[in-house]
């Protein structure tokens, strides 16, 4: 069966959670916390604005996303557990190509306007 979400809804496959803790303890399925990230499987055409114009979604199929702990509705499609949620429930897209290193010179915060950045 092929499923196409309506409006600004998104279908998400939840990422697999770790089966071991950082200390090496194996966690049973019943005690595992559900991951808050997943892969977008399908997206709707978008929402309509006040004028009736179609506003396309910012996410696309294949994107890795981060969403709220209680977001979405759990459904089973073709025997697979999926989530359906509105785009507004998605917190952001995870870019795996980045190195994950933050350049502190670009993110320096100062207390006083005009203060010089520390090296």
PDB file of N, CA and C in Angstrom:
ATOM      1  N   UNK A   1       0.851  -1.175   0.000  1.00  0.00           N
ATOM      2  CA  UNK A   1       0.000   0.000   0.000  1.00  0.00           C
ATOM      3  C   UNK A   1       0.898   1.240   0.000  1.00  0.00           C
ATOM      4  N   UNK A   2       0.530   2.200  -0.788  1.00  0.00           N
ATOM      5  CA  UNK A   2       1.258   3.476  -0.825  1.00  0.00           C
ATOM      6  C   UNK A   2       0.426   4.495  -0.045  1.00  0.00           C
ATOM      7  N   UNK A   3       1.073   5.232   0.844  1.00  0.00           N
ATOM      8  CA  UNK A   3       0.384   6.205   1.694  1.00  0.00           C
ATOM      9  C   UNK A   3       0.901   7.594   1.361  1.00  0.00           C
ATOM     10  N   UNK A   4      -0.021   8.528   1.145  1.00  0.00           N
ATOM     11  CA  UNK A   4       0.337   9.919   0.858  1.00  0.00           C
ATOM     12  C   UNK A   4      -0.320  10.799   1.909  1.00  0.00           C
ATOM     13  N   UNK A   5       0.466  11.470   2.753  1.00  0.00           N
ATOM     14  CA  UNK A   5      -0.118  12.348   3.769  1.00  0.00           C
ATOM     15  C   UNK A   5      -0.758  13.583   3.141  1.00  0.00           C
ATOM     16  N   UNK A   6      -1.749  14.130   3.826  1.00  0.00           N
ATOM     17  CA  UNK A   6      -2.448  15.314   3.343  1.00  0.00           C
ATOM     18  C   UNK A   6      -1.888  16.581   3.981  1.00  0.00           C
ATOM     19  N   UNK A   7      -2.060  17.684   3.283  1.00  0.00           N
ATOM     20  CA  UNK A   7      -1.720  19.026   3.751  1.00  0.00           C
ATOM     21  C   UNK A   7      -0.276  19.118   4.247  1.00  0.00           C
ATOM     22  N   UNK A   8      -0.062  19.561   5.501  1.00  0.00           N
ATOM     23  CA  UNK A   8       1.298  19.755   6.011  1.00  0.00           C
ATOM     24  C   UNK A   8       1.730  18.616   6.928  1.00  0.00           C
ATOM     25  N   UNK A   9       1.189  17.432   6.693  1.00  0.00           N
ATOM     26  CA  UNK A   9       1.559  16.278   7.510  1.00  0.00           C
ATOM     27  C   UNK A   9       2.765  15.559   6.903  1.00  0.00           C
ATOM     28  N   UNK A  10       3.520  14.886   7.803  1.00  0.00           N
ATOM     29  CA  UNK A  10       4.754  14.213   7.428  1.00  0.00           C
ATOM     30  C   UNK A  10       4.729  12.805   8.037  1.00  0.00           C
ATOM     31  N   UNK A  11       5.162  11.804   7.274  1.00  0.00           N
ATOM     32  CA  UNK A  11       5.282  10.434   7.777  1.00  0.00           C
ATOM     33  C   UNK A  11       6.746  10.195   8.123  1.00  0.00           C
ATOM     34  N   UNK A  12       6.985   9.671   9.342  1.00  0.00           N
ATOM     35  CA  UNK A  12       8.349   9.525   9.853  1.00  0.00           C
ATOM     36  C   UNK A  12       8.584   8.103  10.331  1.00  0.00           C
ATOM     37  N   UNK A  13       9.751   7.569   9.978  1.00  0.00           N
ATOM     38  CA  UNK A  13      10.208   6.288  10.525  1.00  0.00           C
ATOM     39  C   UNK A  13      11.150   6.626  11.665  1.00  0.00           C
ATOM     40  N   UNK A  14      10.763   6.239  12.874  1.00  0.00           N
ATOM     41  CA  UNK A  14      11.560   6.539  14.063  1.00  0.00           C
ATOM     42  C   UNK A  14      12.905   5.821  13.994  1.00  0.00           C
ATOM     43  N   UNK A  15      13.978   6.494  14.388  1.00  0.00           N
ATOM     44  CA  UNK A  15      15.318   5.894  14.409  1.00  0.00           C
ATOM     45  C   UNK A  15      15.349   4.795  15.463  1.00  0.00           C
ATOM     46  N   UNK A  16      16.186   3.803  15.238  1.00  0.00           N
ATOM     47  CA  UNK A  16      16.328   2.708  16.197  1.00  0.00           C
ATOM     48  C   UNK A  16      17.058   3.212  17.434  1.00  0.00           C
ATOM     49  N   UNK A  17      16.538   2.887  18.602  1.00  0.00           N
ATOM     50  CA  UNK A  17      17.179   3.278  19.853  1.00  0.00           C
ATOM     51  C   UNK A  17      18.332   2.348  20.180  1.00  0.00           C
ATOM     52  N   UNK A  18      19.228   2.802  21.041  1.00  0.00           N
ATOM     53  CA  UNK A  18      20.359   1.978  21.464  1.00  0.00           C
ATOM     54  C   UNK A  18      19.856   0.823  22.317  1.00  0.00           C
ATOM     55  N   UNK A  19      20.457  -0.363  22.123  1.00  0.00           N
ATOM     56  CA  UNK A  19      20.069  -1.506  22.950  1.00  0.00           C
ATOM     57  C   UNK A  19      21.014  -1.660  24.139  1.00  0.00           C
ATOM     58  N   UNK A  20      22.106  -0.881  24.151  1.00  0.00           N
ATOM     59  CA  UNK A  20      23.037  -0.899  25.276  1.00  0.00           C
ATOM     60  C   UNK A  20      23.196   0.506  25.818  1.00  0.00           C
ATOM     61  N   UNK A  21      23.345   0.604  27.129  1.00  0.00           N
ATOM     62  CA  UNK A  21      23.610   1.904  27.733  1.00  0.00           C
ATOM     63  C   UNK A  21      25.085   2.234  27.551  1.00  0.00           C
ATOM     64  N   UNK A  22      25.471   3.441  27.906  1.00  0.00           N
ATOM     65  CA  UNK A  22      26.871   3.840  27.774  1.00  0.00           C
ATOM     66  C   UNK A  22      27.782   2.971  28.641  1.00  0.00           C
ATOM     67  N   UNK A  23      27.239   2.454  29.736  1.00  0.00           N
ATOM     68  CA  UNK A  23      28.023   1.591  30.621  1.00  0.00           C
ATOM     69  C   UNK A  23      28.066   0.144  30.170  1.00  0.00           C
ATOM     70  N   UNK A  24      27.363  -0.196  29.073  1.00  0.00           N
ATOM     71  CA  UNK A  24      27.401  -1.552  28.550  1.00  0.00           C
ATOM     72  C   UNK A  24      26.251  -2.433  29.002  1.00  0.00           C
ATOM     73  N   UNK A  25      25.299  -1.876  29.730  1.00  0.00           N
ATOM     74  CA  UNK A  25      24.153  -2.651  30.199  1.00  0.00           C
ATOM     75  C   UNK A  25      23.142  -2.769  29.070  1.00  0.00           C
ATOM     76  N   UNK A  26      22.667  -3.986  28.804  1.00  0.00           N
ATOM     77  CA  UNK A  26      21.668  -4.203  27.753  1.00  0.00           C
ATOM     78  C   UNK A  26      20.303  -3.794  28.286  1.00  0.00           C
ATOM     79  N   UNK A  27      19.618  -2.941  27.525  1.00  0.00           N
ATOM     80  CA  UNK A  27      18.320  -2.399  27.944  1.00  0.00           C
ATOM     81  C   UNK A  27      17.209  -3.168  27.233  1.00  0.00           C
ATOM     82  N   UNK A  28      16.242  -3.742  27.979  1.00  0.00           N
ATOM     83  CA  UNK A  28      15.135  -4.454  27.330  1.00  0.00           C
ATOM     84  C   UNK A  28      14.214  -3.489  26.590  1.00  0.00           C
ATOM     85  N   UNK A  29      13.468  -4.007  25.601  1.00  0.00           N
ATOM     86  CA  UNK A  29      12.581  -3.172  24.786  1.00  0.00           C
ATOM     87  C   UNK A  29      11.578  -2.396  25.627  1.00  0.00           C
ATOM     88  N   UNK A  30      11.086  -2.981  26.695  1.00  0.00           N
ATOM     89  CA  UNK A  30      10.059  -2.320  27.503  1.00  0.00           C
ATOM     90  C   UNK A  30      10.606  -1.136  28.291  1.00  0.00           C
ATOM     91  N   UNK A  31      11.917  -1.108  28.542  1.00  0.00           N
ATOM     92  CA  UNK A  31      12.514  -0.028  29.324  1.00  0.00           C
ATOM     93  C   UNK A  31      13.186   1.029  28.458  1.00  0.00           C
ATOM     94  N   UNK A  32      13.278   0.769  27.160  1.00  0.00           N
ATOM     95  CA  UNK A  32      13.948   1.720  26.273  1.00  0.00           C
ATOM     96  C   UNK A  32      13.123   2.975  26.103  1.00  0.00           C
ATOM     97  N   UNK A  33      13.805   4.103  26.067  1.00  0.00           N
ATOM     98  CA  UNK A  33      13.142   5.365  25.765  1.00  0.00           C
ATOM     99  C   UNK A  33      13.096   5.511  24.250  1.00  0.00           C
ATOM    100  N   UNK A  34      11.960   5.939  23.727  1.00  0.00           N
ATOM    101  CA  UNK A  34      11.816   6.079  22.281  1.00  0.00           C
ATOM    102  C   UNK A  34      12.681   7.233  21.799  1.00  0.00           C
ATOM    103  N   UNK A  35      13.416   7.011  20.705  1.00  0.00           N
ATOM    104  CA  UNK A  35      14.262   8.094  20.184  1.00  0.00           C
ATOM    105  C   UNK A  35      13.425   9.245  19.653  1.00  0.00           C
ATOM    106  N   UNK A  36      13.988  10.431  19.690  1.00  0.00           N
ATOM    107  CA  UNK A  36      13.303  11.636  19.229  1.00  0.00           C
ATOM    108  C   UNK A  36      13.820  12.089  17.878  1.00  0.00           C
ATOM    109  N   UNK A  37      14.405  11.173  17.144  1.00  0.00           N
ATOM    110  CA  UNK A  37      14.824  11.497  15.796  1.00  0.00           C
ATOM    111  C   UNK A  37      14.355  10.404  14.861  1.00  0.00           C
ATOM    112  N   UNK A  38      14.250  10.758  13.591  1.00  0.00           N
ATOM    113  CA  UNK A  38      13.778   9.797  12.618  1.00  0.00           C
ATOM    114  C   UNK A  38      14.013  10.280  11.200  1.00  0.00           C
ATOM    115  N   UNK A  39      13.582   9.441  10.253  1.00  0.00           N
ATOM    116  CA  UNK A  39      13.743   9.737   8.837  1.00  0.00           C
ATOM    117  C   UNK A  39      12.380  10.021   8.225  1.00  0.00           C
ATOM    118  N   UNK A  40      12.305  11.066   7.431  1.00  0.00           N
ATOM    119  CA  UNK A  40      11.064  11.418   6.752  1.00  0.00           C
ATOM    120  C   UNK A  40      10.839  10.407   5.628  1.00  0.00           C
ATOM    121  N   UNK A  41       9.671   9.764   5.650  1.00  0.00           N
ATOM    122  CA  UNK A  41       9.332   8.762   4.638  1.00  0.00           C
ATOM    123  C   UNK A  41       8.517   9.399   3.514  1.00  0.00           C
ATOM    124  N   UNK A  42       7.540  10.239   3.888  1.00  0.00           N
ATOM    125  CA  UNK A  42       6.685  10.890   2.892  1.00  0.00           C
ATOM    126  C   UNK A  42       6.205  12.218   3.442  1.00  0.00           C
ATOM    127  N   UNK A  43       5.929  13.169   2.553  1.00  0.00           N
ATOM    128  CA  UNK A  43       5.422  14.482   2.954  1.00  0.00           C
ATOM    129  C   UNK A  43       4.185  14.825   2.135  1.00  0.00           C
ATOM    130  N   UNK A  44       3.319  15.620   2.738  1.00  0.00           N
ATOM    131  CA  UNK A  44       2.142  16.113   2.030  1.00  0.00           C
ATOM    132  C   UNK A  44       2.520  17.265   1.113  1.00  0.00           C
ATOM    133  N   UNK A  45       1.559  17.746   0.332  1.00  0.00           N
ATOM    134  CA  UNK A  45       1.849  18.825  -0.616  1.00  0.00           C
ATOM    135  C   UNK A  45       2.137  20.163   0.054  1.00  0.00           C
ATOM    136  N   UNK A  46       1.646  20.386   1.270  1.00  0.00           N
ATOM    137  CA  UNK A  46       1.873  21.642   1.974  1.00  0.00           C
ATOM    138  C   UNK A  46       0.573  22.223   2.495  1.00  0.00           C
ATOM    139  N   UNK A  47       0.692  23.274   3.276  1.00  0.00           N
ATOM    140  CA  UNK A  47      -0.474  23.947   3.841  1.00  0.00           C
ATOM    141  C   UNK A  47      -0.874  25.111   2.934  1.00  0.00           C
ATOM    142  N   UNK A  48      -2.047  25.609   3.162  1.00  0.00           N
ATOM    143  CA  UNK A  48      -2.525  26.767   2.395  1.00  0.00           C
ATOM    144  C   UNK A  48      -2.500  27.993   3.305  1.00  0.00           C
ATOM    145  N   UNK A  49      -2.093  29.137   2.737  1.00  0.00           N
ATOM    146  CA  UNK A  49      -2.086  30.378   3.503  1.00  0.00           C
ATOM    147  C   UNK A  49      -3.459  31.047   3.439  1.00  0.00           C
ATOM    148  N   UNK A  50      -3.566  32.263   3.972  1.00  0.00           N
ATOM    149  CA  UNK A  50      -4.848  32.976   4.039  1.00  0.00           C
ATOM    150  C   UNK A  50      -5.434  33.243   2.654  1.00  0.00           C
ATOM    151  N   UNK A  51      -4.585  33.374   1.650  1.00  0.00           N
ATOM    152  CA  UNK A  51      -5.043  33.664   0.288  1.00  0.00           C
ATOM    153  C   UNK A  51      -5.344  32.402  -0.510  1.00  0.00           C
ATOM    154  N   UNK A  52      -5.109  31.232   0.080  1.00  0.00           N
ATOM    155  CA  UNK A  52      -5.362  29.975  -0.613  1.00  0.00           C
ATOM    156  C   UNK A  52      -4.183  29.449  -1.395  1.00  0.00           C
ATOM    157  N   UNK A  53      -3.052  30.140  -1.335  1.00  0.00           N
ATOM    158  CA  UNK A  53      -1.858  29.691  -2.060  1.00  0.00           C
ATOM    159  C   UNK A  53      -1.187  28.554  -1.298  1.00  0.00           C
ATOM    160  N   UNK A  54      -0.674  27.580  -2.025  1.00  0.00           N
ATOM    161  CA  UNK A  54      -0.012  26.433  -1.427  1.00  0.00           C
ATOM    162  C   UNK A  54       1.387  26.814  -0.933  1.00  0.00           C
ATOM    163  N   UNK A  55       1.665  26.528   0.339  1.00  0.00           N
ATOM    164  CA  UNK A  55       2.973  26.792   0.937  1.00  0.00           C
ATOM    165  C   UNK A  55       3.674  25.440   1.091  1.00  0.00           C
ATOM    166  N   UNK A  56       4.714  25.161   0.281  1.00  0.00           N
ATOM    167  CA  UNK A  56       5.377  23.857   0.345  1.00  0.00           C
ATOM    168  C   UNK A  56       6.106  23.653   1.670  1.00  0.00           C
ATOM    169  N   UNK A  57       6.347  22.390   2.018  1.00  0.00           N
ATOM    170  CA  UNK A  57       7.023  22.054   3.268  1.00  0.00           C
ATOM    171  C   UNK A  57       8.529  22.243   3.140  1.00  0.00           C
ATOM    172  N   UNK A  58       9.187  22.469   4.282  1.00  0.00           N
ATOM    173  CA  UNK A  58      10.638  22.649   4.310  1.00  0.00           C
ATOM    174  C   UNK A  58      11.382  21.324   4.338  1.00  0.00           C
ATOM    175  N   UNK A  59      10.711  20.233   4.725  1.00  0.00           N
ATOM    176  CA  UNK A  59      11.359  18.921   4.780  1.00  0.00           C
ATOM    177  C   UNK A  59      10.980  18.117   3.550  1.00  0.00           C
ATOM    178  N   UNK A  60      11.805  17.123   3.240  1.00  0.00           N
ATOM    179  CA  UNK A  60      11.536  16.247   2.098  1.00  0.00           C
ATOM    180  C   UNK A  60      11.832  14.806   2.513  1.00  0.00           C
ATOM    181  N   UNK A  61      11.368  13.867   1.736  1.00  0.00           N
ATOM    182  CA  UNK A  61      11.612  12.455   2.021  1.00  0.00           C
ATOM    183  C   UNK A  61      13.113  12.201   2.079  1.00  0.00           C
ATOM    184  N   UNK A  62      13.544  11.447   3.088  1.00  0.00           N
ATOM    185  CA  UNK A  62      14.963  11.142   3.265  1.00  0.00           C
ATOM    186  C   UNK A  62      15.661  12.011   4.286  1.00  0.00           C
ATOM    187  N   UNK A  63      15.058  13.149   4.684  1.00  0.00           N
ATOM    188  CA  UNK A  63      15.673  14.026   5.691  1.00  0.00           C
ATOM    189  C   UNK A  63      15.678  13.346   7.057  1.00  0.00           C
ATOM    190  N   UNK A  64      16.764  13.535   7.819  1.00  0.00           N
ATOM    191  CA  UNK A  64      16.812  13.101   9.211  1.00  0.00           C
ATOM    192  C   UNK A  64      16.367  14.287  10.046  1.00  0.00           C
ATOM    193  N   UNK A  65      15.395  14.054  10.928  1.00  0.00           N
ATOM    194  CA  UNK A  65      14.814  15.162  11.682  1.00  0.00           C
ATOM    195  C   UNK A  65      14.818  14.877  13.173  1.00  0.00           C
ATOM    196  N   UNK A  66      14.609  15.938  13.934  1.00  0.00           N
ATOM    197  CA  UNK A  66      14.470  15.874  15.378  1.00  0.00           C
ATOM    198  C   UNK A  66      13.080  16.383  15.715  1.00  0.00           C
ATOM    199  N   UNK A  67      12.343  15.653  16.564  1.00  0.00           N
ATOM    200  CA  UNK A  67      10.986  16.051  16.912  1.00  0.00           C
ATOM    201  C   UNK A  67      10.754  15.893  18.406  1.00  0.00           C
ATOM    202  N   UNK A  68       9.656  16.444  18.894  1.00  0.00           N
ATOM    203  CA  UNK A  68       9.327  16.401  20.315  1.00  0.00           C
ATOM    204  C   UNK A  68       8.997  15.003  20.800  1.00  0.00           C
ATOM    205  N   UNK A  69       9.195  14.778  22.091  1.00  0.00           N
ATOM    206  CA  UNK A  69       8.997  13.457  22.686  1.00  0.00           C
ATOM    207  C   UNK A  69       7.572  12.939  22.493  1.00  0.00           C
ATOM    208  N   UNK A  70       6.576  13.783  22.610  1.00  0.00           N
ATOM    209  CA  UNK A  70       5.180  13.344  22.523  1.00  0.00           C
ATOM    210  C   UNK A  70       4.529  13.766  21.211  1.00  0.00           C
ATOM    211  N   UNK A  71       5.305  14.093  20.199  1.00  0.00           N
ATOM    212  CA  UNK A  71       4.771  14.561  18.920  1.00  0.00           C
ATOM    213  C   UNK A  71       4.255  13.400  18.076  1.00  0.00           C
ATOM    214  N   UNK A  72       3.241  13.683  17.294  1.00  0.00           N
ATOM    215  CA  UNK A  72       2.774  12.750  16.289  1.00  0.00           C
ATOM    216  C   UNK A  72       1.832  11.676  16.782  1.00  0.00           C
ATOM    217  N   UNK A  73       1.307  10.939  15.821  1.00  0.00           N
ATOM    218  CA  UNK A  73       0.398   9.826  16.065  1.00  0.00           C
ATOM    219  C   UNK A  73       1.050   8.565  15.526  1.00  0.00           C
ATOM    220  N   UNK A  74       1.135   7.536  16.366  1.00  0.00           N
ATOM    221  CA  UNK A  74       1.748   6.286  15.937  1.00  0.00           C
ATOM    222  C   UNK A  74       0.750   5.489  15.118  1.00  0.00           C
ATOM    223  N   UNK A  75       1.180   5.006  13.949  1.00  0.00           N
ATOM    224  CA  UNK A  75       0.344   4.198  13.070  1.00  0.00           C
ATOM    225  C   UNK A  75       1.168   3.016  12.569  1.00  0.00           C
ATOM    226  N   UNK A  76       0.476   1.998  12.063  1.00  0.00           N
ATOM    227  CA  UNK A  76       1.142   0.848  11.472  1.00  0.00           C
ATOM    228  C   UNK A  76       0.696   0.768  10.020  1.00  0.00           C
ATOM    229  N   UNK A  77       1.645   0.925   9.085  1.00  0.00           N
ATOM    230  CA  UNK A  77       1.360   0.863   7.654  1.00  0.00           C
ATOM    231  C   UNK A  77       2.222  -0.242   7.069  1.00  0.00           C
ATOM    232  N   UNK A  78       1.590  -1.218   6.422  1.00  0.00           N
ATOM    233  CA  UNK A  78       2.283  -2.377   5.848  1.00  0.00           C
ATOM    234  C   UNK A  78       3.159  -3.080   6.890  1.00  0.00           C
ATOM    235  N   UNK A  79       2.677  -3.171   8.126  1.00  0.00           N
ATOM    236  CA  UNK A  79       3.407  -3.852   9.184  1.00  0.00           C
ATOM    237  C   UNK A  79       4.556  -3.067   9.777  1.00  0.00           C
ATOM    238  N   UNK A  80       4.735  -1.830   9.360  1.00  0.00           N
ATOM    239  CA  UNK A  80       5.831  -0.996   9.853  1.00  0.00           C
ATOM    240  C   UNK A  80       5.274   0.097  10.762  1.00  0.00           C
ATOM    241  N   UNK A  81       5.887   0.265  11.939  1.00  0.00           N
ATOM    242  CA  UNK A  81       5.468   1.312  12.868  1.00  0.00           C
ATOM    243  C   UNK A  81       6.010   2.648  12.396  1.00  0.00           C
ATOM    244  N   UNK A  82       5.116   3.601  12.141  1.00  0.00           N
ATOM    245  CA  UNK A  82       5.486   4.926  11.671  1.00  0.00           C
ATOM    246  C   UNK A  82       4.806   5.988  12.511  1.00  0.00           C
ATOM    247  N   UNK A  83       5.242   7.221  12.362  1.00  0.00           N
ATOM    248  CA  UNK A  83       4.634   8.375  13.018  1.00  0.00           C
ATOM    249  C   UNK A  83       4.095   9.314  11.956  1.00  0.00           C
ATOM    250  N   UNK A  84       2.930   9.901  12.216  1.00  0.00           N
ATOM    251  CA  UNK A  84       2.405  10.954  11.360  1.00  0.00           C
ATOM    252  C   UNK A  84       2.287  12.200  12.220  1.00  0.00           C
ATOM    253  N   UNK A  85       2.885  13.292  11.767  1.00  0.00           N
ATOM    254  CA  UNK A  85       2.821  14.545  12.518  1.00  0.00           C
ATOM    255  C   UNK A  85       2.791  15.719  11.559  1.00  0.00           C
ATOM    256  N   UNK A  86       2.399  16.859  12.083  1.00  0.00           N
ATOM    257  CA  UNK A  86       2.429  18.088  11.290  1.00  0.00           C
ATOM    258  C   UNK A  86       3.856  18.619  11.251  1.00  0.00           C
ATOM    259  N   UNK A  87       4.160  19.365  10.212  1.00  0.00           N
ATOM    260  CA  UNK A  87       5.504  19.914  10.060  1.00  0.00           C
ATOM    261  C   UNK A  87       5.868  20.814  11.248  1.00  0.00           C
ATOM    262  N   UNK A  88       4.894  21.468  11.840  1.00  0.00           N
ATOM    263  CA  UNK A  88       5.164  22.368  12.969  1.00  0.00           C
ATOM    264  C   UNK A  88       5.719  21.621  14.184  1.00  0.00           C
ATOM    265  N   UNK A  89       5.477  20.293  14.272  1.00  0.00           N
ATOM    266  CA  UNK A  89       5.990  19.497  15.390  1.00  0.00           C
ATOM    267  C   UNK A  89       7.456  19.112  15.205  1.00  0.00           C
ATOM    268  N   UNK A  90       7.999  19.350  14.024  1.00  0.00           N
ATOM    269  CA  UNK A  90       9.404  19.024  13.750  1.00  0.00           C
ATOM    270  C   UNK A  90      10.274  20.180  14.229  1.00  0.00           C
ATOM    271  N   UNK A  91      11.300  19.850  15.014  1.00  0.00           N
ATOM    272  CA  UNK A  91      12.159  20.893  15.584  1.00  0.00           C
ATOM    273  C   UNK A  91      13.294  21.293  14.655  1.00  0.00           C
ATOM    274  N   UNK A  92      13.746  20.363  13.816  1.00  0.00           N
ATOM    275  CA  UNK A  92      14.828  20.703  12.906  1.00  0.00           C
ATOM    276  C   UNK A  92      15.290  19.521  12.102  1.00  0.00           C
ATOM    277  N   UNK A  93      16.121  19.798  11.095  1.00  0.00           N
ATOM    278  CA  UNK A  93      16.690  18.778  10.227  1.00  0.00           C
ATOM    279  C   UNK A  93      18.131  18.549  10.675  1.00  0.00           C
ATOM    280  N   UNK A  94      18.510  17.283  10.803  1.00  0.00           N
ATOM    281  CA  UNK A  94      19.865  16.920  11.214  1.00  0.00           C
ATOM    282  C   UNK A  94      20.714  16.764   9.961  1.00  0.00           C
ATOM    283  N   UNK A  95      21.831  17.501   9.896  1.00  0.00           N
ATOM    284  CA  UNK A  95      22.732  17.426   8.760  1.00  0.00           C
ATOM    285  C   UNK A  95      23.922  16.575   9.169  1.00  0.00           C
ATOM    286  N   UNK A  96      23.966  15.345   8.699  1.00  0.00           N
ATOM    287  CA  UNK A  96      25.038  14.406   9.073  1.00  0.00           C
ATOM    288  C   UNK A  96      26.364  14.727   8.389  1.00  0.00           C
ATOM    289  N   UNK A  97      26.360  15.577   7.374  1.00  0.00           N
ATOM    290  CA  UNK A  97      27.604  15.880   6.664  1.00  0.00           C
ATOM    291  C   UNK A  97      28.493  16.848   7.426  1.00  0.00           C
ATOM    292  N   UNK A  98      27.939  17.565   8.395  1.00  0.00           N
ATOM    293  CA  UNK A  98      28.727  18.522   9.184  1.00  0.00           C
ATOM    294  C   UNK A  98      29.686  17.774  10.102  1.00  0.00           C
ATOM    295  N   UNK A  99      30.772  18.406  10.467  1.00  0.00           N
ATOM    296  CA  UNK A  99      31.765  17.793  11.349  1.00  0.00           C
ATOM    297  C   UNK A  99      31.338  17.828  12.803  1.00  0.00           C
ATOM    298  N   UNK A 100      30.411  18.688  13.141  1.00  0.00           N
ATOM    299  CA  UNK A 100      29.965  18.798  14.518  1.00  0.00           C
ATOM    300  C   UNK A 100      30.845  19.702  15.359  1.00  0.00           C
ATOM    301  N   UNK A 101      31.851  20.327  14.766  1.00  0.00           N
ATOM    302  CA  UNK A 101      32.746  21.217  15.495  1.00  0.00           C
ATOM    303  C   UNK A 101      32.214  22.640  15.359  1.00  0.00           C
ATOM    304  N   UNK A 102      32.041  23.304  16.479  1.00  0.00           N
ATOM    305  CA  UNK A 102      31.546  24.674  16.473  1.00  0.00           C
ATOM    306  C   UNK A 102      32.740  25.620  16.528  1.00  0.00           C
ATOM    307  N   UNK A 103      32.770  26.566  15.605  1.00  0.00           N
ATOM    308  CA  UNK A 103      33.822  27.570  15.587  1.00  0.00           C
ATOM    309  C   UNK A 103      33.470  28.631  16.618  1.00  0.00           C
ATOM    310  N   UNK A 104      34.217  28.687  17.714  1.00  0.00           N
ATOM    311  CA  UNK A 104      33.891  29.601  18.807  1.00  0.00           C
ATOM    312  C   UNK A 104      34.024  31.061  18.413  1.00  0.00           C
ATOM    313  N   UNK A 105      34.830  31.365  17.404  1.00  0.00           N
ATOM    314  CA  UNK A 105      34.978  32.759  16.994  1.00  0.00           C
ATOM    315  C   UNK A 105      33.694  33.283  16.366  1.00  0.00           C
ATOM    316  N   UNK A 106      32.877  32.389  15.800  1.00  0.00           N
ATOM    317  CA  UNK A 106      31.630  32.815  15.178  1.00  0.00           C
ATOM    318  C   UNK A 106      30.475  32.871  16.166  1.00  0.00           C
ATOM    319  N   UNK A 107      30.612  32.211  17.319  1.00  0.00           N
ATOM    320  CA  UNK A 107      29.510  32.131  18.262  1.00  0.00           C
ATOM    321  C   UNK A 107      29.778  32.864  19.566  1.00  0.00           C
ATOM    322  N   UNK A 108      30.796  33.700  19.598  1.00  0.00           N
ATOM    323  CA  UNK A 108      31.135  34.408  20.823  1.00  0.00           C
ATOM    324  C   UNK A 108      30.010  35.358  21.224  1.00  0.00           C
ATOM    325  N   UNK A 109      29.696  35.367  22.505  1.00  0.00           N
ATOM    326  CA  UNK A 109      28.659  36.244  23.035  1.00  0.00           C
ATOM    327  C   UNK A 109      29.327  37.191  24.021  1.00  0.00           C
ATOM    328  N   UNK A 110      29.025  38.456  23.896  1.00  0.00           N
ATOM    329  CA  UNK A 110      29.603  39.436  24.807  1.00  0.00           C
ATOM    330  C   UNK A 110      28.510  40.038  25.676  1.00  0.00           C
ATOM    331  N   UNK A 111      28.896  40.477  26.866  1.00  0.00           N
ATOM    332  CA  UNK A 111      27.945  41.092  27.787  1.00  0.00           C
ATOM    333  C   UNK A 111      27.681  42.549  27.439  1.00  0.00           C
ATOM    334  N   UNK A 112      28.684  43.214  26.891  1.00  0.00           N
ATOM    335  CA  UNK A 112      28.556  44.637  26.628  1.00  0.00           C
ATOM    336  C   UNK A 112      28.670  44.890  25.120  1.00  0.00           C
ATOM    337  N   UNK A 113      27.831  45.789  24.592  1.00  0.00           N
ATOM    338  CA  UNK A 113      27.982  46.137  23.177  1.00  0.00           C
ATOM    339  C   UNK A 113      29.355  46.772  22.940  1.00  0.00           C
ATOM    340  N   UNK A 114      30.003  46.385  21.864  1.00  0.00           N
ATOM    341  CA  UNK A 114      31.302  46.959  21.515  1.00  0.00           C
ATOM    342  C   UNK A 114      32.468  46.302  22.204  1.00  0.00           C
ATOM    343  N   UNK A 115      32.202  45.300  23.090  1.00  0.00           N
ATOM    344  CA  UNK A 115      33.293  44.605  23.764  1.00  0.00           C
ATOM    345  C   UNK A 115      34.041  43.725  22.777  1.00  0.00           C
ATOM    346  N   UNK A 116      35.356  43.612  22.971  1.00  0.00           N
ATOM    347  CA  UNK A 116      36.171  42.812  22.077  1.00  0.00           C
ATOM    348  C   UNK A 116      36.040  41.330  22.433  1.00  0.00           C
ATOM    349  N   UNK A 117      36.118  40.466  21.386  1.00  0.00           N
ATOM    350  CA  UNK A 117      36.054  39.026  21.600  1.00  0.00           C
ATOM    351  C   UNK A 117      37.380  38.527  22.143  1.00  0.00           C
ATOM    352  N   UNK A 118      37.283  37.574  23.069  1.00  0.00           N
ATOM    353  CA  UNK A 118      38.492  36.968  23.616  1.00  0.00           C
ATOM    354  C   UNK A 118      39.026  35.967  22.624  1.00  0.00           C
ATOM    355  N   UNK A 119      40.351  35.865  22.525  1.00  0.00           N
ATOM    356  CA  UNK A 119      40.963  34.957  21.551  1.00  0.00           C
ATOM    357  C   UNK A 119      41.034  33.564  22.084  1.00  0.00           C
TER     358      UNK A 119
END
